C-alpha atoms as a PDB file:
ATOM      1  CA  MET A   1       0.000   0.000   0.000  1.00  0.00           C
ATOM      2  CA  ALA A   2       2.757   2.459   0.928  1.00  0.00           C
ATOM      3  CA  GLU A   3       4.704   1.444  -2.162  1.00  0.00           C
ATOM      4  CA  ASP A   4       1.650   2.105  -4.333  1.00  0.00           C
ATOM      5  CA  LYS A   5       1.360   5.633  -2.931  1.00  0.00           C
ATOM      6  CA  ALA A   6       5.085   6.218  -3.361  1.00  0.00           C
ATOM      7  CA  THR A   7       4.956   4.894  -6.920  1.00  0.00           C
ATOM      8  CA  ALA A   8       1.925   7.025  -7.727  1.00  0.00           C
ATOM      9  CA  ALA A   9       3.612  10.101  -6.261  1.00  0.00           C
ATOM     10  CA  ARG A  10       6.795   9.386  -8.233  1.00  0.00           C
ATOM     11  CA  ASN A  11       4.813   8.909 -11.439  1.00  0.00           C
ATOM     12  CA  ALA A  12       2.982  12.176 -10.830  1.00  0.00           C
ATOM     13  CA  ARG A  13       6.309  13.993 -10.348  1.00  0.00           C
ATOM     14  CA  LEU A  14       7.664  12.418 -13.526  1.00  0.00           C
ATOM     15  CA  ASP A  15       4.571  13.527 -15.441  1.00  0.00           C
ATOM     16  CA  GLU A  16       5.073  17.066 -14.139  1.00  0.00           C
ATOM     17  CA  LEU A  17       8.736  16.915 -15.151  1.00  0.00           C
ATOM     18  CA  VAL A  18       7.825  15.786 -18.667  1.00  0.00           C
ATOM     19  CA  LEU A  19       5.337  18.649 -19.002  1.00  0.00           C
ATOM     20  CA  ALA A  20       7.806  21.193 -17.622  1.00  0.00           C
ATOM     21  CA  THR A  21      10.526  19.927 -19.970  1.00  0.00           C
ATOM     22  CA  LYS A  22       8.252  20.198 -22.999  1.00  0.00           C
ATOM     23  CA  GLN A  23       7.211  23.720 -22.014  1.00  0.00           C
ATOM     24  CA  TRP A  24      10.842  24.721 -21.489  1.00  0.00           C
ATOM     25  CA  ALA A  25      11.866  23.216 -24.831  1.00  0.00           C
ATOM     26  CA  ASP A  26       9.062  25.048 -26.647  1.00  0.00           C
ATOM     27  CA  LYS A  27      10.040  28.335 -25.008  1.00  0.00           C
ATOM     28  CA  GLN A  28      13.723  27.832 -25.853  1.00  0.00           C
ATOM     29  CA  LYS A  29      12.847  26.896 -29.438  1.00  0.00           C
ATOM     30  CA  ARG A  30      10.801  30.075 -29.856  1.00  0.00           C
ATOM     31  CA  LEU A  31      13.631  32.128 -28.351  1.00  0.00           C
ATOM     32  CA  LEU A  32      16.257  30.572 -30.604  1.00  0.00           C
ATOM     33  CA  ASN A  33      14.056  30.971 -33.687  1.00  0.00           C
ATOM     34  CA  ALA A  34      13.602  34.641 -32.833  1.00  0.00           C
ATOM     35  CA  GLN A  35      17.369  35.050 -32.454  1.00  0.00           C
ATOM     36  CA  VAL A  36      17.960  33.313 -35.784  1.00  0.00           C
ATOM     37  CA  ALA A  37      15.408  35.573 -37.483  1.00  0.00           C
ATOM     38  CA  LEU A  38      17.062  38.654 -35.978  1.00  0.00           C
ATOM     39  CA  GLY A  39      20.481  37.480 -37.086  1.00  0.00           C
ATOM     40  CA  LYS A  40      19.222  36.883 -40.616  1.00  0.00           C
ATOM     41  CA  ARG A  41      17.667  40.348 -40.759  1.00  0.00           C
ATOM     42  CA  ILE A  42      20.924  41.885 -39.567  1.00  0.00           C
ATOM     43  CA  LEU A  43      22.943  39.914 -42.104  1.00  0.00           C
ATOM     44  CA  GLN A  44      20.611  40.884 -44.941  1.00  0.00           C
ATOM     45  CA  GLY A  45      21.300  44.504 -44.127  1.00  0.00           C
ATOM     46  CA  ARG A  46      24.990  43.998 -44.717  1.00  0.00           C
ATOM     47  CA  THR A  47      26.216  43.797 -48.276  1.00  0.00           C
ATOM     48  CA  GLY A  48      27.539  40.346 -49.084  1.00  0.00           C
ATOM     49  CA  SER A  49      28.199  39.327 -45.499  1.00  0.00           C
ATOM     50  CA  GLU A  50      25.322  36.860 -45.293  1.00  0.00           C
ATOM     51  CA  ARG A  51      27.131  34.469 -47.599  1.00  0.00           C
ATOM     52  CA  LEU A  52      30.378  34.859 -45.661  1.00  0.00           C
ATOM     53  CA  ALA A  53      28.698  34.244 -42.308  1.00  0.00           C
ATOM     54  CA  GLN A  54      26.634  31.241 -43.449  1.00  0.00           C
ATOM     55  CA  GLY A  55      29.202  28.768 -42.116  1.00  0.00           C
ATOM     56  CA  SER A  56      29.190  30.411 -38.701  1.00  0.00           C
ATOM     57  CA  VAL A  57      25.407  30.470 -38.582  1.00  0.00           C
ATOM     58  CA  GLN A  58      25.222  26.776 -39.388  1.00  0.00           C
ATOM     59  CA  SER A  59      27.853  25.955 -36.762  1.00  0.00           C
ATOM     60  CA  VAL A  60      26.087  27.966 -34.069  1.00  0.00           C
ATOM     61  CA  SER A  61      22.730  26.436 -34.965  1.00  0.00           C
ATOM     62  CA  SER A  62      24.187  22.954 -34.774  1.00  0.00           C
ATOM     63  CA  LEU A  63      25.836  23.727 -31.432  1.00  0.00           C
ATOM     64  CA  ALA A  64      22.570  25.091 -30.008  1.00  0.00           C
ATOM     65  CA  VAL A  65      20.661  21.993 -31.088  1.00  0.00           C
ATOM     66  CA  ASP A  66      23.333  19.735 -29.579  1.00  0.00           C
ATOM     67  CA  GLN A  67      23.314  21.627 -26.274  1.00  0.00           C
ATOM     68  CA  ILE A  68      19.531  21.501 -26.010  1.00  0.00           C
ATOM     69  CA  ASN A  69      19.573  17.793 -26.839  1.00  0.00           C
ATOM     70  CA  ASP A  70      22.256  17.161 -24.215  1.00  0.00           C
ATOM     71  CA  PHE A  71      20.230  19.071 -21.617  1.00  0.00           C
ATOM     72  CA  LEU A  72      17.031  17.191 -22.377  1.00  0.00           C
ATOM     73  CA  THR A  73      18.688  13.781 -22.432  1.00  0.00           C
ATOM     74  CA  GLY A  74      20.894  14.475 -19.411  1.00  0.00           C
ATOM     75  CA  GLU A  75      24.122  13.835 -21.316  1.00  0.00           C
ATOM     76  CA  THR A  76      27.222  15.913 -20.711  1.00  0.00           C
END
């Protein structure tokens, strides 16, 4: 009986954690998309620099995705 309550409480906490993680991930995704859009607008305002910076943008995007994935999966 006590184990059932403990298990139910643990499952409830895990459900809350899943929900909180999804909300955090959605918020971070919106934030990063906004930053990407801002960066693109800034680069478009500069003559020819968008093409030169494309490699950096791709590297930073890849790094951000990897860091978010590591955070969500608990890897270091």
